[in-house]
Amino acid sequence: MRISKEAEERRNEILDTAEMLFFTKGYTKTTVNDVLQAIGIAKGTFYYYFKSKEEVMDAVVLRFIDAGVAAAKQIAADPKLTVHEKLLQIIMAQKPDTDRKSQMIEQFHQADNAQLHQKSLVETILRLTPVLTEVIEQGIEEGLFHNPYPRETMEFLLITSQFLFDEGIFKWQPEEIIQKIRAFIYTMEITLGAEKGSFDYVFQMFE
């Protein structure tokens, strides 16, 4: 006898199962039938919630990113925090804080999960840019930064940080990482028109 489940519960069950399969078999090797068999549902049930495996992948990645973005929005909206406190806390909120999140990032770096990895990087940039831009605009209003292109500058900086410091893409030596962090901080200060040394706390992101 088939067990009836609430829509949101069923959708999450599909996502949980697909996530597990993507990370164990690899995204490209996982099929919709694999998901159906693992859960024990009919094809029609799957397609009621998702149009394709690609759509499931998007949902898995976005669910992974949404928690960090939600935390960033809450931090950005906190009137008690200074601009630099907001930036630091937003940066730290994106770091793995649970074993599951750490395992997911580790799986992103597997060769079979290159598509998931790329999707996660792109969506992180797209979703965090507006939040960080809001904080930078506050800094411009307060005279901390001097930059006529806050949104575009944050896109450049996010793209740089997301790719350059991704251990799954580059295998930098420790001394290389330190040098690149210094160069990144220098670039942040120059492009945002900030006071020298005001972004030294970015080092905490890489501890």
Protein backbone atom coordinates (compact mmCIF):
# COMPACT_ATOMS: atom_id res chain seq x y z
CA MET A 1 0.00 0.00 0.00
CA ARG A 2 1.46 3.37 -1.08
CA ILE A 3 1.91 5.86 1.72
CA SER A 4 0.51 9.34 1.02
CA LYS A 5 2.73 12.22 2.14
CA GLU A 6 2.30 15.94 2.35
CA ALA A 7 3.59 17.80 -0.71
CA GLU A 8 6.47 19.61 1.00
CA GLU A 9 7.56 16.45 2.80
CA ARG A 10 7.53 14.48 -0.44
CA ARG A 11 9.46 17.20 -2.29
CA ASN A 12 12.12 17.27 0.42
CA GLU A 13 12.32 13.49 0.35
CA ILE A 14 13.08 13.62 -3.37
CA LEU A 15 15.70 16.30 -2.80
CA ASP A 16 17.32 14.43 0.10
CA THR A 17 17.50 11.23 -1.94
CA ALA A 18 18.77 12.97 -5.07
CA GLU A 19 21.39 14.82 -3.03
CA MET A 20 22.64 11.57 -1.54
CA LEU A 21 22.81 9.91 -4.97
CA PHE A 22 24.47 12.89 -6.64
CA PHE A 23 27.19 12.84 -4.02
CA THR A 24 27.70 9.06 -3.94
CA LYS A 25 27.28 8.14 -7.62
CA GLY A 26 28.03 11.53 -9.13
CA TYR A 27 25.52 13.81 -10.80
CA THR A 28 26.14 12.60 -14.36
CA LYS A 29 25.80 8.92 -13.40
CA THR A 30 22.60 9.37 -11.41
CA THR A 31 19.33 8.88 -13.27
CA VAL A 32 15.75 9.76 -12.45
CA ASN A 33 15.06 6.03 -12.18
CA ASP A 34 17.75 5.78 -9.49
CA VAL A 35 15.84 8.35 -7.46
CA LEU A 36 12.50 6.60 -8.06
CA GLN A 37 13.84 3.24 -6.96
CA ALA A 38 15.58 4.62 -3.89
CA ILE A 39 12.36 6.24 -2.64
CA GLY A 40 9.86 3.75 -4.07
CA ILE A 41 7.68 6.22 -5.96
CA ALA A 42 6.18 6.28 -9.45
CA LYS A 43 7.62 8.38 -12.27
CA GLY A 44 4.49 10.52 -12.29
CA THR A 45 5.06 11.48 -8.66
CA PHE A 46 8.58 12.65 -9.45
CA TYR A 47 7.47 14.73 -12.43
CA TYR A 48 4.71 16.30 -10.38
CA TYR A 49 7.42 18.07 -8.40
CA PHE A 50 10.30 18.34 -10.88
CA LYS A 51 10.47 18.52 -14.67
CA SER A 52 13.93 16.97 -14.96
CA LYS A 53 17.06 15.82 -13.18
CA GLU A 54 18.56 19.23 -13.96
CA GLU A 55 15.76 20.94 -12.06
CA VAL A 56 16.40 18.69 -9.08
CA MET A 57 20.09 19.59 -9.21
CA ASP A 58 19.19 23.29 -9.18
CA ALA A 59 16.94 22.77 -6.16
CA VAL A 60 19.60 20.77 -4.28
CA VAL A 61 22.24 23.44 -4.86
CA LEU A 62 19.91 26.33 -4.02
CA ARG A 63 18.79 24.65 -0.81
CA PHE A 64 22.43 24.32 0.13
CA ILE A 65 23.13 28.00 -0.59
CA ASP A 66 19.90 29.48 0.79
CA ALA A 67 20.89 29.05 4.44
CA GLY A 68 24.03 31.14 3.99
CA VAL A 69 22.20 33.80 2.00
CA ALA A 70 19.40 33.99 4.60
CA ALA A 71 22.01 34.50 7.32
CA ALA A 72 23.69 37.19 5.21
CA LYS A 73 20.41 39.07 4.76
CA GLN A 74 19.72 38.99 8.48
CA ILE A 75 23.21 40.33 9.23
CA ALA A 76 22.96 43.06 6.58
CA ALA A 77 19.66 44.25 8.05
CA ASP A 78 20.98 44.51 11.63
CA PRO A 79 21.16 48.24 12.50
CA LYS A 80 23.38 47.56 15.51
CA LEU A 81 26.29 46.33 13.40
CA THR A 82 28.87 48.51 11.69
CA VAL A 83 29.61 48.07 7.99
CA HIS A 84 32.80 46.12 8.66
CA GLU A 85 31.09 43.96 11.30
CA LYS A 86 28.42 43.11 8.77
CA LEU A 87 30.97 42.20 6.10
CA LEU A 88 32.97 40.02 8.47
CA GLN A 89 29.91 38.20 9.79
CA ILE A 90 28.53 37.64 6.29
CA ILE A 91 31.86 36.18 5.21
CA MET A 92 32.01 33.89 8.25
CA ALA A 93 28.39 32.80 7.76
CA GLN A 94 29.37 31.25 4.43
CA LYS A 95 31.94 28.94 6.01
CA PRO A 96 30.95 25.32 6.76
CA ASP A 97 29.39 25.15 10.22
CA THR A 98 28.11 21.57 10.19
CA ASP A 99 29.54 18.17 9.23
CA ARG A 100 26.88 17.84 6.54
CA LYS A 101 27.82 21.15 4.95
CA SER A 102 31.51 20.22 5.06
CA GLN A 103 30.75 16.88 3.44
CA MET A 104 28.70 18.57 0.74
CA ILE A 105 31.55 20.94 -0.11
CA GLU A 106 33.94 17.99 -0.19
CA GLN A 107 31.62 16.19 -2.59
CA PHE A 108 31.39 19.30 -4.79
CA HIS A 109 35.11 18.88 -5.39
CA GLN A 110 34.77 15.35 -6.77
CA ALA A 111 35.30 15.12 -10.53
CA ASP A 112 31.90 13.50 -11.10
CA ASN A 113 30.19 16.45 -9.42
CA ALA A 114 31.77 19.23 -11.51
CA GLN A 115 28.36 20.45 -12.66
CA LEU A 116 27.08 20.70 -9.10
CA HIS A 117 30.24 22.53 -8.10
CA GLN A 118 29.95 25.05 -10.92
CA LYS A 119 26.28 25.60 -10.18
CA SER A 120 27.00 26.23 -6.50
CA LEU A 121 29.70 28.79 -7.29
CA VAL A 122 27.53 30.69 -9.77
CA GLU A 123 24.43 30.73 -7.56
CA THR A 124 26.45 31.85 -4.54
CA ILE A 125 27.76 34.81 -6.53
CA LEU A 126 24.34 35.72 -7.94
CA ARG A 127 22.54 35.50 -4.59
CA LEU A 128 25.16 37.11 -2.34
CA THR A 129 25.96 40.05 -4.63
CA PRO A 130 22.77 42.04 -3.86
CA VAL A 131 23.18 41.50 -0.11
CA LEU A 132 26.81 42.59 -0.06
CA THR A 133 26.08 45.50 -2.40
CA GLU A 134 23.59 46.83 0.14
CA VAL A 135 26.30 46.81 2.82
CA ILE A 136 28.84 48.46 0.51
CA GLU A 137 26.31 51.17 -0.37
CA GLN A 138 25.88 51.83 3.35
CA GLY A 139 29.67 52.16 3.60
CA ILE A 140 29.66 54.65 0.71
CA GLU A 141 26.97 56.72 2.44
CA GLU A 142 29.03 56.72 5.64
CA GLY A 143 32.20 57.78 3.79
CA LEU A 144 34.05 54.51 4.44
CA PHE A 145 34.20 53.60 0.75
CA HIS A 146 34.47 55.63 -2.43
CA ASN A 147 33.28 53.65 -5.43
CA PRO A 148 30.78 54.54 -8.20
CA TYR A 149 30.12 50.87 -9.08
CA PRO A 150 29.33 49.01 -5.83
CA ARG A 151 27.37 46.14 -7.39
CA GLU A 152 29.81 45.45 -10.21
CA THR A 153 32.75 45.69 -7.82
CA MET A 154 31.17 43.13 -5.49
CA GLU A 155 30.61 40.83 -8.47
CA PHE A 156 34.30 41.06 -9.38
CA LEU A 157 35.38 40.45 -5.80
CA LEU A 158 32.99 37.54 -5.25
CA ILE A 159 33.97 35.86 -8.50
CA THR A 160 37.63 36.26 -7.61
CA SER A 161 37.24 34.90 -4.08
CA GLN A 162 34.90 32.05 -5.05
CA PHE A 163 37.22 30.70 -7.75
CA LEU A 164 40.71 31.74 -6.69
CA PHE A 165 40.38 30.39 -3.15
CA ASP A 166 38.44 27.23 -4.01
CA GLU A 167 40.57 24.27 -2.96
CA GLY A 168 38.76 22.06 -5.43
CA ILE A 169 39.97 24.18 -8.35
CA PHE A 170 43.43 25.39 -7.33
CA LYS A 171 46.00 23.57 -5.21
CA TRP A 172 47.92 26.51 -3.79
CA GLN A 173 50.77 26.01 -1.36
CA PRO A 174 50.33 27.66 2.08
CA GLU A 175 52.78 30.46 1.28
CA GLU A 176 50.98 31.10 -2.01
CA ILE A 177 47.63 31.34 -0.24
CA ILE A 178 48.98 33.92 2.21
CA GLN A 179 50.36 36.04 -0.62
CA LYS A 180 47.11 35.84 -2.58
CA ILE A 181 45.04 36.78 0.47
CA ARG A 182 47.21 39.85 0.95
CA ALA A 183 46.80 40.72 -2.72
CA PHE A 184 43.03 40.18 -2.48
CA ILE A 185 42.75 42.46 0.54
CA TYR A 186 44.82 45.09 -1.27
CA THR A 187 42.51 44.78 -4.29
CA MET A 188 39.43 45.15 -2.08
CA GLU A 189 40.79 48.32 -0.49
CA ILE A 190 41.79 49.84 -3.83
CA THR A 191 38.61 48.98 -5.76
CA LEU A 192 36.26 50.00 -2.95
CA GLY A 193 38.23 53.12 -2.13
CA ALA A 194 38.68 52.02 1.48
CA GLU A 195 41.27 53.01 4.06
CA LYS A 196 44.44 50.92 4.00
CA GLY A 197 44.28 48.07 6.52
CA SER A 198 40.51 48.29 6.98
CA PHE A 199 39.98 44.82 5.46
CA ASP A 200 42.70 42.94 7.33
CA TYR A 201 39.98 40.91 9.06
CA VAL A 202 39.41 39.05 5.77
CA PHE A 203 42.26 36.78 6.91
CA GLN A 204 39.76 35.22 9.33
CA MET A 205 37.86 33.81 6.38
CA PHE A 206 40.76 31.48 5.61
CA GLU A 207 41.62 30.32 9.10
